[in-house]
């Protein structure tokens, strides 16, 4: 199955599943986006690509932002750790700041679809932030670019571990470009630039959510 077809199947399945979690408020529009993320299995040696489905609804009662983690282990669903959830909370803070919202009306439902039963760490938080902004603005996330990095509430993207393994996983999944935190390519212990050339994938360093967003998205139709 090609990456684009897998992406489409993930989206359709998750729309149906998320629809059971939170009702649409009358007169409001549901925003749904799927973003790829990079992770490492528990063996510490195997990188994988997983997909995170992000849904934003509006609750006029203004008690948010409310984050709902859909951790049903069904059809590829994955349980997520507390540090993964904290990374999402940081992503929500960065995304609301980026779009000029306070987030009080936001109800965010998140489902992580992964080959691993448990997903840990905060390295997907920057991709989550990009996805949230894209969902809110109605923009499209490009299918051939992946991002790894820990997001800060002010939009900065910080370094993460196992970068070489994650980039190799993206290359195996036929991504053309990987965005990494600035400074990563010169600080990792392996000769990453040489490996990137071997894997025929482009690695671009980014500093902020805005930089990553400009590279990962295109205006919606």
N, C-alpha and C. Protein backbone atom coordinates (compact mmCIF):
# COMPACT_ATOMS: atom_id res chain seq x y z
N UNK A 1 0.85 -1.19 0.00
CA UNK A 1 0.00 0.00 0.00
C UNK A 1 0.89 1.25 0.00
N UNK A 2 0.66 2.16 -0.86
CA UNK A 2 1.46 3.36 -0.93
C UNK A 2 1.22 4.24 0.27
N UNK A 3 2.16 5.19 0.51
CA UNK A 3 2.01 6.08 1.65
C UNK A 3 0.76 6.92 1.52
N UNK A 4 0.45 7.41 0.30
CA UNK A 4 -0.73 8.26 0.13
C UNK A 4 -2.01 7.48 0.39
N UNK A 5 -2.07 6.21 -0.06
CA UNK A 5 -3.26 5.42 0.19
C UNK A 5 -3.41 5.12 1.67
N UNK A 6 -2.29 4.80 2.31
CA UNK A 6 -2.33 4.55 3.76
C UNK A 6 -2.82 5.79 4.50
N UNK A 7 -2.31 6.94 4.10
CA UNK A 7 -2.71 8.21 4.70
C UNK A 7 -4.22 8.42 4.56
N UNK A 8 -4.76 8.09 3.39
CA UNK A 8 -6.19 8.28 3.13
C UNK A 8 -7.02 7.32 3.98
N UNK A 9 -6.58 6.06 4.07
CA UNK A 9 -7.31 5.08 4.87
C UNK A 9 -7.31 5.48 6.33
N UNK A 10 -6.15 5.94 6.82
CA UNK A 10 -6.05 6.40 8.21
C UNK A 10 -7.04 7.51 8.47
N UNK A 11 -7.12 8.45 7.56
CA UNK A 11 -8.02 9.59 7.74
C UNK A 11 -9.47 9.15 7.78
N UNK A 12 -9.89 8.30 6.83
CA UNK A 12 -11.28 7.86 6.79
C UNK A 12 -11.66 7.10 8.05
N UNK A 13 -10.81 6.18 8.47
CA UNK A 13 -11.10 5.39 9.66
C UNK A 13 -11.20 6.27 10.89
N UNK A 14 -10.28 7.22 10.99
CA UNK A 14 -10.22 8.04 12.18
C UNK A 14 -11.35 9.05 12.25
N UNK A 15 -11.80 9.53 11.08
CA UNK A 15 -12.96 10.42 11.07
C UNK A 15 -14.16 9.71 11.67
N UNK A 16 -14.36 8.47 11.25
CA UNK A 16 -15.50 7.70 11.75
C UNK A 16 -15.36 7.44 13.23
N UNK A 17 -14.13 7.12 13.67
CA UNK A 17 -13.93 6.80 15.07
C UNK A 17 -14.04 8.04 15.95
N UNK A 18 -13.45 9.15 15.49
CA UNK A 18 -13.50 10.38 16.27
C UNK A 18 -14.92 10.91 16.38
N UNK A 19 -15.73 10.64 15.38
CA UNK A 19 -17.10 11.14 15.40
C UNK A 19 -17.88 10.58 16.57
N UNK A 20 -17.44 9.43 17.10
CA UNK A 20 -18.14 8.83 18.22
C UNK A 20 -17.70 9.43 19.55
N UNK A 21 -16.61 10.20 19.53
CA UNK A 21 -16.02 10.68 20.78
C UNK A 21 -16.65 11.97 21.24
N UNK A 22 -16.89 12.92 20.31
CA UNK A 22 -17.40 14.22 20.72
C UNK A 22 -18.38 14.73 19.68
N UNK A 23 -19.54 15.18 20.09
CA UNK A 23 -20.54 15.63 19.13
C UNK A 23 -20.18 16.97 18.51
N UNK A 24 -20.63 17.22 17.29
CA UNK A 24 -20.45 18.51 16.65
C UNK A 24 -21.48 19.49 17.21
N UNK A 25 -21.03 20.65 17.60
CA UNK A 25 -21.96 21.67 18.09
C UNK A 25 -22.70 22.29 16.92
N UNK A 26 -23.95 22.59 17.12
CA UNK A 26 -24.80 23.13 16.05
C UNK A 26 -24.17 24.36 15.45
N UNK A 27 -24.08 24.39 14.12
CA UNK A 27 -23.58 25.56 13.42
C UNK A 27 -22.06 25.64 13.34
N UNK A 28 -21.35 24.65 13.94
CA UNK A 28 -19.90 24.71 13.93
C UNK A 28 -19.33 23.75 12.89
N UNK A 29 -18.09 24.02 12.47
CA UNK A 29 -17.42 23.20 11.47
C UNK A 29 -16.34 22.37 12.16
N UNK A 30 -16.29 21.10 11.82
CA UNK A 30 -15.27 20.22 12.36
C UNK A 30 -14.02 20.31 11.48
N UNK A 31 -12.86 20.45 12.12
CA UNK A 31 -11.59 20.55 11.41
C UNK A 31 -10.79 19.29 11.70
N UNK A 32 -10.37 18.56 10.66
CA UNK A 32 -9.60 17.32 10.85
C UNK A 32 -8.38 17.34 9.93
N UNK A 33 -7.23 16.98 10.50
CA UNK A 33 -5.98 16.90 9.75
C UNK A 33 -5.21 15.67 10.24
N UNK A 34 -4.48 15.04 9.34
CA UNK A 34 -3.57 13.94 9.71
C UNK A 34 -2.14 14.36 9.42
N UNK A 35 -1.25 14.14 10.41
CA UNK A 35 0.16 14.48 10.21
C UNK A 35 1.02 13.25 10.48
N UNK A 36 2.10 13.09 9.71
CA UNK A 36 3.04 12.00 9.98
C UNK A 36 3.97 12.39 11.13
N UNK A 37 4.43 11.39 11.86
CA UNK A 37 5.40 11.63 12.93
C UNK A 37 6.40 10.48 12.93
N UNK A 38 7.57 10.72 13.49
CA UNK A 38 8.64 9.73 13.51
C UNK A 38 8.90 9.28 14.94
N UNK A 39 9.12 7.99 15.12
CA UNK A 39 9.34 7.44 16.45
C UNK A 39 10.31 6.27 16.37
N UNK A 40 10.71 5.79 17.54
CA UNK A 40 11.61 4.64 17.64
C UNK A 40 10.94 3.59 18.51
N UNK A 41 10.98 2.34 18.06
CA UNK A 41 10.39 1.25 18.84
C UNK A 41 11.18 1.01 20.12
N UNK A 42 10.62 0.19 20.99
CA UNK A 42 11.21 -0.03 22.31
C UNK A 42 12.60 -0.67 22.25
N UNK A 43 12.96 -1.28 21.10
CA UNK A 43 14.30 -1.86 21.00
C UNK A 43 15.38 -0.80 20.85
N UNK A 44 14.96 0.46 20.61
CA UNK A 44 15.92 1.55 20.49
C UNK A 44 16.68 1.58 19.19
N UNK A 45 16.37 0.67 18.28
CA UNK A 45 17.12 0.55 17.02
C UNK A 45 16.25 0.70 15.78
N UNK A 46 14.94 0.57 15.94
CA UNK A 46 14.05 0.54 14.78
C UNK A 46 13.17 1.78 14.74
N UNK A 47 13.30 2.55 13.68
CA UNK A 47 12.47 3.74 13.53
C UNK A 47 11.19 3.43 12.77
N UNK A 48 10.13 4.15 13.07
CA UNK A 48 8.85 3.95 12.40
C UNK A 48 8.22 5.30 12.08
N UNK A 49 7.33 5.27 11.12
CA UNK A 49 6.47 6.43 10.83
C UNK A 49 5.08 6.10 11.35
N UNK A 50 4.51 6.99 12.15
CA UNK A 50 3.13 6.80 12.57
C UNK A 50 2.35 8.05 12.20
N UNK A 51 1.03 7.95 12.27
CA UNK A 51 0.17 9.04 11.82
C UNK A 51 -0.73 9.49 12.97
N UNK A 52 -0.81 10.79 13.13
CA UNK A 52 -1.60 11.38 14.22
C UNK A 52 -2.79 12.12 13.61
N UNK A 53 -3.98 11.73 13.99
CA UNK A 53 -5.19 12.37 13.52
C UNK A 53 -5.62 13.42 14.54
N UNK A 54 -5.80 14.64 14.08
CA UNK A 54 -6.14 15.78 14.94
C UNK A 54 -7.49 16.34 14.52
N UNK A 55 -8.35 16.47 15.47
CA UNK A 55 -9.69 17.01 15.20
C UNK A 55 -9.95 18.18 16.14
N UNK A 56 -10.40 19.30 15.60
CA UNK A 56 -10.77 20.46 16.41
C UNK A 56 -12.25 20.74 16.24
N UNK A 57 -12.97 20.75 17.35
CA UNK A 57 -14.35 21.21 17.40
C UNK A 57 -14.40 22.47 18.25
N UNK A 58 -15.49 23.21 18.13
CA UNK A 58 -15.66 24.42 18.94
C UNK A 58 -16.80 24.21 19.94
N UNK A 59 -16.52 24.52 21.18
CA UNK A 59 -17.50 24.45 22.26
C UNK A 59 -17.77 25.87 22.73
N UNK A 60 -18.94 26.40 22.48
CA UNK A 60 -19.22 27.80 22.83
C UNK A 60 -19.23 28.08 24.32
N UNK A 61 -19.15 27.05 25.13
CA UNK A 61 -19.15 27.28 26.58
C UNK A 61 -17.82 27.83 27.08
N UNK A 62 -16.78 27.79 26.21
CA UNK A 62 -15.48 28.42 26.49
C UNK A 62 -14.84 27.90 27.77
N UNK A 63 -14.78 26.60 27.91
CA UNK A 63 -14.11 26.02 29.06
C UNK A 63 -12.76 25.41 28.74
N UNK A 64 -12.29 25.60 27.52
CA UNK A 64 -11.07 24.93 27.06
C UNK A 64 -9.82 25.75 27.19
N UNK A 65 -8.76 25.32 26.49
CA UNK A 65 -8.81 24.20 25.53
C UNK A 65 -8.94 22.84 26.22
N UNK A 66 -9.76 21.99 25.63
CA UNK A 66 -9.97 20.63 26.13
C UNK A 66 -9.29 19.66 25.17
N UNK A 67 -8.48 18.77 25.73
CA UNK A 67 -7.76 17.79 24.91
C UNK A 67 -8.26 16.39 25.27
N UNK A 68 -8.71 15.66 24.26
CA UNK A 68 -9.19 14.30 24.45
C UNK A 68 -8.28 13.35 23.69
N UNK A 69 -7.69 12.40 24.40
CA UNK A 69 -6.79 11.42 23.78
C UNK A 69 -7.57 10.14 23.51
N UNK A 70 -7.79 9.85 22.23
CA UNK A 70 -8.51 8.65 21.83
C UNK A 70 -7.50 7.50 21.78
N UNK A 71 -7.44 6.72 22.84
CA UNK A 71 -6.43 5.68 22.96
C UNK A 71 -7.01 4.28 22.76
N UNK A 72 -8.11 4.18 22.05
CA UNK A 72 -8.69 2.86 21.76
C UNK A 72 -7.73 2.08 20.88
N UNK A 73 -7.25 0.95 21.38
CA UNK A 73 -6.27 0.16 20.63
C UNK A 73 -7.00 -0.71 19.61
N UNK A 74 -7.55 -0.05 18.59
CA UNK A 74 -8.35 -0.71 17.57
C UNK A 74 -7.91 -0.25 16.20
N UNK A 75 -7.63 -1.19 15.31
CA UNK A 75 -7.26 -0.83 13.95
C UNK A 75 -5.99 0.01 13.87
N UNK A 76 -5.02 -0.29 14.75
CA UNK A 76 -3.76 0.45 14.72
C UNK A 76 -3.67 1.56 15.73
N UNK A 77 -4.65 1.70 16.59
CA UNK A 77 -4.60 2.73 17.62
C UNK A 77 -3.50 2.45 18.62
N UNK A 78 -2.98 3.51 19.24
CA UNK A 78 -1.87 3.36 20.17
C UNK A 78 -2.14 4.11 21.46
N UNK A 79 -1.79 3.48 22.57
CA UNK A 79 -1.77 4.18 23.85
C UNK A 79 -0.58 5.12 23.85
N UNK A 80 -0.70 6.27 24.51
CA UNK A 80 0.40 7.24 24.55
C UNK A 80 0.77 7.53 26.00
N UNK A 81 2.06 7.82 26.21
CA UNK A 81 2.58 8.04 27.55
C UNK A 81 2.25 9.44 28.05
N UNK A 82 2.53 9.68 29.32
CA UNK A 82 2.26 11.00 29.90
C UNK A 82 3.15 12.08 29.30
N UNK A 83 4.41 11.74 28.98
CA UNK A 83 5.26 12.77 28.37
C UNK A 83 4.81 13.07 26.93
N UNK A 84 4.24 12.08 26.23
CA UNK A 84 3.66 12.32 24.90
C UNK A 84 2.49 13.29 25.03
N UNK A 85 1.64 13.05 26.04
CA UNK A 85 0.49 13.93 26.26
C UNK A 85 0.93 15.34 26.64
N UNK A 86 1.98 15.44 27.45
CA UNK A 86 2.48 16.77 27.82
C UNK A 86 3.01 17.49 26.59
N UNK A 87 3.64 16.76 25.67
CA UNK A 87 4.08 17.36 24.42
C UNK A 87 2.91 17.91 23.62
N UNK A 88 1.80 17.20 23.62
CA UNK A 88 0.60 17.68 22.94
C UNK A 88 0.08 18.96 23.59
N UNK A 89 0.10 19.02 24.90
CA UNK A 89 -0.35 20.24 25.59
C UNK A 89 0.52 21.43 25.21
N UNK A 90 1.82 21.19 25.09
CA UNK A 90 2.73 22.26 24.64
C UNK A 90 2.39 22.66 23.20
N UNK A 91 2.05 21.66 22.39
CA UNK A 91 1.69 21.94 20.99
C UNK A 91 0.42 22.77 20.90
N UNK A 92 -0.55 22.48 21.76
CA UNK A 92 -1.78 23.26 21.76
C UNK A 92 -1.48 24.71 22.14
N UNK A 93 -0.63 24.91 23.14
CA UNK A 93 -0.26 26.27 23.54
C UNK A 93 0.41 27.01 22.40
N UNK A 94 1.33 26.34 21.70
CA UNK A 94 2.03 26.97 20.58
C UNK A 94 1.08 27.25 19.42
N UNK A 95 0.16 26.32 19.14
CA UNK A 95 -0.76 26.48 18.01
C UNK A 95 -1.74 27.61 18.25
N UNK A 96 -2.31 27.69 19.44
CA UNK A 96 -3.25 28.78 19.72
C UNK A 96 -2.55 30.13 19.63
N UNK A 97 -1.32 30.19 20.10
CA UNK A 97 -0.55 31.43 19.99
C UNK A 97 -0.30 31.78 18.52
N UNK A 98 0.00 30.78 17.70
CA UNK A 98 0.31 31.02 16.29
C UNK A 98 -0.89 31.56 15.52
N UNK A 99 -2.09 31.14 15.89
CA UNK A 99 -3.28 31.59 15.15
C UNK A 99 -4.00 32.74 15.85
N UNK A 100 -3.45 33.21 16.95
CA UNK A 100 -4.04 34.36 17.63
C UNK A 100 -5.32 34.05 18.37
N UNK A 101 -5.46 32.81 18.86
CA UNK A 101 -6.64 32.40 19.61
C UNK A 101 -6.26 32.10 21.05
N UNK A 102 -7.23 32.23 21.96
CA UNK A 102 -6.95 31.83 23.34
C UNK A 102 -7.26 30.35 23.57
N UNK A 103 -7.93 29.72 22.61
CA UNK A 103 -8.20 28.29 22.69
C UNK A 103 -9.32 27.91 23.63
N UNK A 104 -10.01 28.86 24.20
CA UNK A 104 -11.04 28.53 25.19
C UNK A 104 -12.22 27.78 24.58
N UNK A 105 -12.43 27.94 23.28
CA UNK A 105 -13.51 27.22 22.60
C UNK A 105 -13.03 25.92 21.94
N UNK A 106 -11.77 25.64 22.02
CA UNK A 106 -11.23 24.48 21.32
C UNK A 106 -11.48 23.18 22.09
N UNK A 107 -11.99 22.19 21.37
CA UNK A 107 -12.05 20.81 21.87
C UNK A 107 -11.25 19.98 20.87
N UNK A 108 -10.13 19.45 21.33
CA UNK A 108 -9.18 18.76 20.45
C UNK A 108 -9.23 17.26 20.75
N UNK A 109 -9.48 16.47 19.73
CA UNK A 109 -9.44 15.02 19.87
C UNK A 109 -8.25 14.49 19.07
N UNK A 110 -7.45 13.66 19.72
CA UNK A 110 -6.22 13.19 19.10
C UNK A 110 -6.18 11.67 19.13
N UNK A 111 -5.89 11.09 17.98
CA UNK A 111 -5.70 9.64 17.90
C UNK A 111 -4.36 9.37 17.23
N UNK A 112 -3.52 8.60 17.92
CA UNK A 112 -2.23 8.22 17.37
C UNK A 112 -2.31 6.81 16.80
N UNK A 113 -2.08 6.69 15.49
CA UNK A 113 -2.11 5.38 14.83
C UNK A 113 -0.68 4.94 14.59
N UNK A 114 -0.30 3.82 15.24
CA UNK A 114 1.09 3.41 15.22
C UNK A 114 1.19 1.89 15.22
N UNK A 115 2.33 1.37 14.74
CA UNK A 115 2.61 -0.05 14.83
C UNK A 115 2.97 -0.45 16.25
N UNK A 116 3.27 0.51 17.09
CA UNK A 116 3.63 0.25 18.48
C UNK A 116 2.40 0.42 19.37
N UNK A 117 2.20 -0.49 20.31
CA UNK A 117 1.04 -0.40 21.20
C UNK A 117 1.16 0.79 22.15
N UNK A 118 2.40 1.22 22.44
CA UNK A 118 2.63 2.36 23.32
C UNK A 118 3.59 3.32 22.63
N UNK A 119 3.22 4.59 22.54
CA UNK A 119 4.09 5.61 21.97
C UNK A 119 4.50 6.58 23.07
N UNK A 120 5.81 6.84 23.16
CA UNK A 120 6.34 7.68 24.23
C UNK A 120 7.13 8.86 23.67
N UNK A 121 7.43 9.82 24.55
CA UNK A 121 8.28 10.94 24.19
C UNK A 121 7.51 12.11 23.60
N UNK A 122 8.22 13.22 23.44
CA UNK A 122 7.60 14.46 22.96
C UNK A 122 8.07 14.87 21.58
N UNK A 123 8.77 13.98 20.87
CA UNK A 123 9.34 14.38 19.58
C UNK A 123 8.28 14.61 18.50
N UNK A 124 7.07 14.10 18.71
CA UNK A 124 6.00 14.33 17.73
C UNK A 124 5.25 15.63 17.99
N UNK A 125 5.58 16.32 19.08
CA UNK A 125 4.79 17.49 19.47
C UNK A 125 4.87 18.62 18.45
N UNK A 126 6.01 18.78 17.77
CA UNK A 126 6.11 19.84 16.76
C UNK A 126 5.21 19.53 15.57
N UNK A 127 5.12 18.24 15.18
CA UNK A 127 4.22 17.86 14.09
C UNK A 127 2.77 18.06 14.50
N UNK A 128 2.46 17.78 15.75
CA UNK A 128 1.10 18.02 16.25
C UNK A 128 0.75 19.50 16.15
N UNK A 129 1.69 20.37 16.52
CA UNK A 129 1.45 21.81 16.46
C UNK A 129 1.18 22.26 15.03
N UNK A 130 1.97 21.76 14.09
CA UNK A 130 1.74 22.09 12.68
C UNK A 130 0.35 21.63 12.25
N UNK A 131 -0.03 20.41 12.64
CA UNK A 131 -1.32 19.88 12.27
C UNK A 131 -2.48 20.69 12.85
N UNK A 132 -2.34 21.13 14.08
CA UNK A 132 -3.40 21.91 14.71
C UNK A 132 -3.60 23.25 14.00
N UNK A 133 -2.50 23.90 13.66
CA UNK A 133 -2.61 25.19 12.95
C UNK A 133 -3.23 24.97 11.57
N UNK A 134 -2.82 23.90 10.90
CA UNK A 134 -3.37 23.60 9.57
C UNK A 134 -4.86 23.30 9.66
N UNK A 135 -5.26 22.55 10.67
CA UNK A 135 -6.68 22.24 10.85
C UNK A 135 -7.49 23.51 11.07
N UNK A 136 -6.97 24.39 11.89
CA UNK A 136 -7.70 25.62 12.20
C UNK A 136 -7.80 26.54 10.99
N UNK A 137 -6.73 26.62 10.21
CA UNK A 137 -6.71 27.52 9.05
C UNK A 137 -7.33 26.89 7.81
N UNK A 138 -7.52 25.58 7.82
CA UNK A 138 -8.04 24.90 6.65
C UNK A 138 -7.00 24.65 5.58
N UNK A 139 -5.73 24.60 5.97
CA UNK A 139 -4.65 24.32 5.03
C UNK A 139 -4.39 22.82 4.94
N UNK A 140 -3.67 22.42 3.87
CA UNK A 140 -3.34 21.01 3.65
C UNK A 140 -1.93 20.72 4.12
N UNK A 141 -1.73 19.56 4.73
CA UNK A 141 -0.40 19.11 5.13
C UNK A 141 0.18 18.28 3.98
N UNK A 142 1.37 18.64 3.53
CA UNK A 142 2.00 17.91 2.43
C UNK A 142 2.29 16.47 2.86
N UNK A 143 2.18 15.56 1.91
CA UNK A 143 2.30 14.14 2.22
C UNK A 143 3.73 13.61 2.15
N UNK A 144 4.67 14.42 1.68
CA UNK A 144 6.04 13.92 1.49
C UNK A 144 7.05 14.57 2.42
N UNK A 145 6.58 15.27 3.47
CA UNK A 145 7.48 15.92 4.42
C UNK A 145 7.11 15.47 5.83
N UNK A 146 8.12 15.09 6.61
CA UNK A 146 7.92 14.73 8.01
C UNK A 146 8.72 15.70 8.89
N UNK A 147 8.31 15.81 10.13
CA UNK A 147 8.94 16.73 11.08
C UNK A 147 9.15 16.02 12.40
N UNK A 148 10.31 16.21 13.01
CA UNK A 148 10.55 15.72 14.35
C UNK A 148 11.17 16.83 15.19
N UNK A 149 10.75 16.91 16.44
CA UNK A 149 11.25 17.96 17.32
C UNK A 149 10.26 18.23 18.44
N UNK A 150 10.77 18.70 19.56
CA UNK A 150 9.91 19.02 20.69
C UNK A 150 9.51 20.50 20.63
N UNK A 151 8.21 20.76 20.63
CA UNK A 151 7.72 22.13 20.54
C UNK A 151 7.68 22.77 21.92
N UNK A 152 7.97 24.05 21.97
CA UNK A 152 7.82 24.85 23.19
C UNK A 152 6.57 25.73 23.05
N UNK A 153 5.98 26.16 24.15
CA UNK A 153 4.76 26.98 24.06
C UNK A 153 4.93 28.25 23.24
N UNK A 154 6.16 28.77 23.17
CA UNK A 154 6.39 29.98 22.39
C UNK A 154 6.67 29.70 20.91
N UNK A 155 6.61 28.42 20.52
CA UNK A 155 6.79 28.07 19.11
C UNK A 155 8.18 27.61 18.74
N UNK A 156 9.13 27.66 19.67
CA UNK A 156 10.47 27.15 19.36
C UNK A 156 10.45 25.63 19.25
N UNK A 157 11.29 25.09 18.36
CA UNK A 157 11.42 23.64 18.20
C UNK A 157 12.78 23.21 18.73
N UNK A 158 12.75 22.34 19.74
CA UNK A 158 13.96 21.90 20.42
C UNK A 158 14.38 20.52 19.94
N UNK A 159 15.63 20.18 20.25
CA UNK A 159 16.23 18.94 19.75
C UNK A 159 15.60 17.69 20.38
N UNK A 160 15.74 16.58 19.69
CA UNK A 160 15.26 15.28 20.14
C UNK A 160 16.33 14.24 19.87
N UNK A 161 16.15 13.05 20.44
CA UNK A 161 17.14 11.99 20.28
C UNK A 161 16.84 11.08 19.11
N UNK A 162 17.78 10.14 18.88
CA UNK A 162 17.65 9.10 17.86
C UNK A 162 17.33 9.66 16.48
N UNK A 163 17.96 10.77 16.14
CA UNK A 163 17.61 11.45 14.90
C UNK A 163 17.94 10.62 13.67
N UNK A 164 19.11 9.98 13.67
CA UNK A 164 19.50 9.19 12.51
C UNK A 164 18.52 8.05 12.26
N UNK A 165 18.06 7.40 13.32
CA UNK A 165 17.12 6.29 13.18
C UNK A 165 15.79 6.79 12.62
N UNK A 166 15.36 7.95 13.09
CA UNK A 166 14.07 8.49 12.63
C UNK A 166 14.15 8.92 11.16
N UNK A 167 15.25 9.54 10.78
CA UNK A 167 15.38 9.97 9.39
C UNK A 167 15.45 8.76 8.46
N UNK A 168 16.15 7.73 8.89
CA UNK A 168 16.20 6.51 8.08
C UNK A 168 14.81 5.91 7.91
N UNK A 169 14.00 5.95 8.97
CA UNK A 169 12.63 5.44 8.87
C UNK A 169 11.82 6.25 7.86
N UNK A 170 11.99 7.57 7.88
CA UNK A 170 11.30 8.42 6.91
C UNK A 170 11.74 8.10 5.49
N UNK A 171 13.03 7.85 5.30
CA UNK A 171 13.54 7.52 3.97
C UNK A 171 12.96 6.18 3.49
N UNK A 172 12.88 5.21 4.37
CA UNK A 172 12.30 3.91 4.00
C UNK A 172 10.83 4.05 3.62
N UNK A 173 10.15 5.00 4.25
CA UNK A 173 8.73 5.23 3.95
C UNK A 173 8.55 6.16 2.75
N UNK A 174 9.65 6.51 2.09
CA UNK A 174 9.64 7.28 0.85
C UNK A 174 9.24 8.75 1.05
N UNK A 175 9.52 9.28 2.22
CA UNK A 175 9.39 10.73 2.38
C UNK A 175 10.57 11.39 1.67
N UNK A 176 10.33 12.55 1.10
CA UNK A 176 11.38 13.24 0.38
C UNK A 176 12.18 14.18 1.28
N UNK A 177 11.53 14.68 2.33
CA UNK A 177 12.16 15.68 3.18
C UNK A 177 11.82 15.41 4.64
N UNK A 178 12.80 15.65 5.50
CA UNK A 178 12.57 15.61 6.95
C UNK A 178 13.02 16.94 7.53
N UNK A 179 12.17 17.54 8.35
CA UNK A 179 12.53 18.77 9.06
C UNK A 179 13.00 18.40 10.45
N UNK A 180 14.15 18.96 10.85
CA UNK A 180 14.75 18.64 12.14
C UNK A 180 15.08 19.94 12.87
N UNK A 181 15.21 19.90 14.20
CA UNK A 181 15.56 21.13 14.94
C UNK A 181 16.90 21.69 14.49
N UNK A 182 16.98 23.01 14.48
CA UNK A 182 18.22 23.66 14.04
C UNK A 182 19.39 23.25 14.92
N UNK A 183 20.51 22.97 14.27
CA UNK A 183 21.71 22.54 14.97
C UNK A 183 21.86 21.04 15.06
N UNK A 184 20.81 20.31 14.73
CA UNK A 184 20.84 18.85 14.88
C UNK A 184 21.84 18.17 13.95
N UNK A 185 21.95 18.68 12.74
CA UNK A 185 22.78 18.00 11.75
C UNK A 185 24.26 18.07 12.08
N UNK A 186 24.64 19.04 12.90
CA UNK A 186 26.07 19.19 13.23
C UNK A 186 26.40 18.69 14.63
N UNK A 187 25.39 18.25 15.39
CA UNK A 187 25.65 17.84 16.77
C UNK A 187 25.44 16.36 17.03
N UNK A 188 24.80 15.65 16.11
CA UNK A 188 24.59 14.22 16.35
C UNK A 188 25.91 13.47 16.23
N UNK A 189 25.96 12.31 16.93
CA UNK A 189 27.22 11.58 17.01
C UNK A 189 27.60 10.89 15.70
N UNK A 190 26.63 10.61 14.83
CA UNK A 190 26.93 9.96 13.56
C UNK A 190 27.07 10.99 12.45
N UNK A 191 27.68 10.57 11.38
CA UNK A 191 27.87 11.47 10.24
C UNK A 191 26.55 11.58 9.49
N UNK A 192 25.63 12.34 10.07
CA UNK A 192 24.27 12.37 9.54
C UNK A 192 24.17 12.95 8.14
N UNK A 193 24.85 14.06 7.81
CA UNK A 193 24.74 14.57 6.44
C UNK A 193 25.12 13.53 5.38
N UNK A 194 26.15 12.72 5.65
CA UNK A 194 26.55 11.69 4.70
C UNK A 194 25.47 10.61 4.60
N UNK A 195 24.87 10.25 5.74
CA UNK A 195 23.81 9.24 5.73
C UNK A 195 22.57 9.75 5.00
N UNK A 196 22.27 11.03 5.17
CA UNK A 196 21.11 11.61 4.49
C UNK A 196 21.28 11.48 2.97
N UNK A 197 22.51 11.74 2.49
CA UNK A 197 22.78 11.58 1.07
C UNK A 197 22.63 10.14 0.62
N UNK A 198 23.06 9.21 1.45
CA UNK A 198 22.94 7.79 1.14
C UNK A 198 21.48 7.37 1.05
N UNK A 199 20.64 7.93 1.92
CA UNK A 199 19.23 7.56 1.95
C UNK A 199 18.39 8.32 0.91
N UNK A 200 19.02 9.25 0.21
CA UNK A 200 18.32 10.03 -0.82
C UNK A 200 17.13 10.78 -0.25
N UNK A 201 17.35 11.45 0.86
CA UNK A 201 16.32 12.26 1.49
C UNK A 201 16.94 13.60 1.90
N UNK A 202 16.16 14.64 1.87
CA UNK A 202 16.65 15.97 2.22
C UNK A 202 16.32 16.26 3.69
N UNK A 203 17.29 16.75 4.43
CA UNK A 203 17.08 17.15 5.82
C UNK A 203 17.25 18.67 5.92
N UNK A 204 16.23 19.33 6.45
CA UNK A 204 16.23 20.78 6.57
C UNK A 204 16.06 21.15 8.05
N UNK A 205 16.92 22.02 8.53
CA UNK A 205 16.82 22.46 9.93
C UNK A 205 15.83 23.61 10.06
N UNK A 206 15.02 23.56 11.11
CA UNK A 206 14.05 24.62 11.39
C UNK A 206 14.16 25.02 12.85
N UNK A 207 13.81 26.26 13.12
CA UNK A 207 13.91 26.79 14.48
C UNK A 207 12.57 26.95 15.15
N UNK A 208 11.55 27.28 14.36
CA UNK A 208 10.26 27.65 14.94
C UNK A 208 9.10 26.92 14.25
N UNK A 209 7.96 26.96 14.90
CA UNK A 209 6.73 26.42 14.33
C UNK A 209 6.41 27.09 13.01
N UNK A 210 6.58 28.39 12.93
CA UNK A 210 6.26 29.10 11.70
C UNK A 210 7.12 28.61 10.54
N UNK A 211 8.42 28.40 10.77
CA UNK A 211 9.30 27.91 9.71
C UNK A 211 8.85 26.52 9.23
N UNK A 212 8.57 25.65 10.19
CA UNK A 212 8.13 24.30 9.84
C UNK A 212 6.80 24.34 9.10
N UNK A 213 5.91 25.21 9.54
CA UNK A 213 4.59 25.30 8.93
C UNK A 213 4.68 25.73 7.47
N UNK A 214 5.51 26.69 7.18
CA UNK A 214 5.67 27.16 5.81
C UNK A 214 6.15 26.07 4.87
N UNK A 215 6.97 25.17 5.40
CA UNK A 215 7.51 24.09 4.56
C UNK A 215 6.59 22.89 4.46
N UNK A 216 5.78 22.64 5.49
CA UNK A 216 4.97 21.43 5.56
C UNK A 216 3.57 21.56 4.99
N UNK A 217 3.12 22.76 4.75
CA UNK A 217 1.70 22.95 4.37
C UNK A 217 1.54 23.73 3.07
N UNK A 218 0.35 23.65 2.53
CA UNK A 218 -0.04 24.47 1.40
C UNK A 218 -1.46 24.96 1.65
N UNK A 219 -1.80 26.06 1.02
CA UNK A 219 -3.13 26.65 1.23
C UNK A 219 -4.20 25.65 0.84
N UNK A 220 -5.25 25.56 1.65
CA UNK A 220 -6.35 24.65 1.39
C UNK A 220 -7.17 25.08 0.21
N UNK A 221 -7.90 24.13 -0.36
CA UNK A 221 -8.73 24.41 -1.54
C UNK A 221 -10.04 25.07 -1.15
